[in-house]
Every structure is written in structure tokens, then in C-alpha cells.
Amino acid sequence: MTRWADNEQTSKPQAKRSLAADLMSLGPASTPGRELLAAVLQIGAVALLCFVVFPDRLSEVMRWGLLAATFVYFVFRFAAGLPKWLQRR
């Protein structure tokens, strides 16, 4: 083999995703930092809608339940992304 062939990299290039794509996808974001940012933004949006914009549309229990469900969703998303993120290191 030639020296040029030995130095050839076999890793795949990583696809660049935008923050908007990370916010809208059901799966985890491309990096842990972006996942945390997506979680904070979306949980904040749910809290803003439930407690500030439409406080009288849902009962108190339903508002807290929706916020808790959103939080649990992001915990599962983060857990699903951990193997992928740890594999890249």
C-alpha cells in the first residue's frame, strides 16, 4: 500500500443541521448542547403558553401535567441521544 492510502480517513462527514431542525425533530439533536438548548426553549414555550397566554383555558392540574409531560419527553430524547454523542468522542 502506498502512504497516501494509509492516511486516508474513513470517518463519515457529519451532516450539519440547523437549530430549527433540532427543535422540530422528534429525535435527539446533533449535540448535547443543542439538545439542552432545544429543551429549554420548548419547555419555556409550553410554560409561556400554559401559564401566561392561555391561563384560563386549562385547569391547574392539566397545565402542570402538560409541562411535566414535556419535561419527560425531553428526558427521553436526551437519553436516546447519549449513545450517539458518546460514540463520536
Protein backbone atom coordinates (compact mmCIF):
# COMPACT_ATOMS: atom_id res chain seq x y z
CA MET A 1 0.00 0.00 0.00
CA THR A 2 1.06 3.50 -0.57
CA ARG A 3 1.44 6.04 2.13
CA TRP A 4 -1.42 8.06 0.65
CA ALA A 5 -3.87 5.15 1.03
CA ASP A 6 -2.85 4.50 4.64
CA ASN A 7 -3.56 8.08 5.69
CA GLU A 8 -6.99 8.15 4.09
CA GLN A 9 -9.66 8.88 6.62
CA THR A 10 -12.59 6.50 6.77
CA SER A 11 -14.90 8.53 9.01
CA LYS A 12 -18.13 9.83 7.56
CA PRO A 13 -18.61 13.57 7.31
CA GLN A 14 -21.19 14.80 9.80
CA ALA A 15 -24.32 16.34 8.40
CA LYS A 16 -24.86 19.92 9.52
CA ARG A 17 -28.31 20.52 10.97
CA SER A 18 -29.81 23.83 11.86
CA LEU A 19 -31.22 24.68 15.27
CA ALA A 20 -34.68 24.88 13.70
CA ALA A 21 -34.33 21.28 12.52
CA ASP A 22 -33.22 20.24 16.01
CA LEU A 23 -36.24 21.99 17.53
CA MET A 24 -38.73 20.36 15.19
CA SER A 25 -37.36 16.82 15.08
CA LEU A 26 -38.75 14.05 17.25
CA GLY A 27 -35.33 12.52 17.78
CA PRO A 28 -32.38 13.97 19.64
CA ALA A 29 -30.42 16.96 18.42
CA SER A 30 -26.99 16.66 16.83
CA THR A 31 -25.06 17.63 20.01
CA PRO A 32 -25.85 17.59 23.74
CA GLY A 33 -25.61 21.37 23.94
CA ARG A 34 -28.12 21.83 21.16
CA GLU A 35 -30.39 19.29 22.82
CA LEU A 36 -30.31 21.24 26.08
CA LEU A 37 -30.99 24.48 24.21
CA ALA A 38 -33.92 22.87 22.38
CA ALA A 39 -35.31 21.55 25.67
CA VAL A 40 -35.07 24.91 27.43
CA LEU A 41 -36.67 26.76 24.51
CA GLN A 42 -39.54 24.32 24.05
CA ILE A 43 -40.30 23.81 27.74
CA GLY A 44 -40.24 27.59 28.09
CA ALA A 45 -42.65 27.93 25.18
CA VAL A 46 -45.06 25.41 26.72
CA ALA A 47 -44.86 27.17 30.09
CA LEU A 48 -45.43 30.55 28.45
CA LEU A 49 -48.48 29.29 26.57
CA CYS A 50 -49.98 27.44 29.52
CA PHE A 51 -49.37 29.95 32.30
CA VAL A 52 -49.22 33.36 30.61
CA VAL A 53 -51.02 33.41 27.26
CA PHE A 54 -53.89 30.98 27.93
CA PRO A 55 -54.09 30.57 31.72
CA ASP A 56 -57.87 30.13 31.80
CA ARG A 57 -58.15 27.51 29.03
CA LEU A 58 -56.82 24.57 31.07
CA SER A 59 -57.26 23.59 34.68
CA GLU A 60 -54.31 23.92 37.04
CA VAL A 61 -53.70 20.16 37.06
CA MET A 62 -53.76 19.95 33.27
CA ARG A 63 -51.26 22.80 32.91
CA TRP A 64 -48.78 21.20 35.29
CA GLY A 65 -49.39 17.80 33.69
CA LEU A 66 -48.63 19.18 30.22
CA LEU A 67 -45.47 20.84 31.48
CA ALA A 68 -44.37 17.61 33.20
CA ALA A 69 -45.09 15.57 30.06
CA THR A 70 -42.97 17.97 28.00
CA PHE A 71 -40.13 17.64 30.51
CA VAL A 72 -40.33 13.82 30.46
CA TYR A 73 -40.32 13.87 26.65
CA PHE A 74 -37.02 15.76 26.65
CA VAL A 75 -35.53 13.44 29.25
CA PHE A 76 -36.24 10.53 26.90
CA ARG A 77 -34.88 12.47 23.92
CA PHE A 78 -31.68 13.21 25.81
CA ALA A 79 -31.34 9.56 26.88
CA ALA A 80 -31.85 8.44 23.28
CA GLY A 81 -29.08 10.76 22.08
CA LEU A 82 -26.47 9.77 24.67
CA PRO A 83 -25.14 6.66 22.83
CA LYS A 84 -24.75 8.63 19.60
CA TRP A 85 -22.97 11.51 21.32
CA LEU A 86 -20.66 9.27 23.34
CA GLN A 87 -19.74 7.29 20.23
CA ARG A 88 -18.43 10.42 18.49
CA ARG A 89 -15.85 11.16 21.19
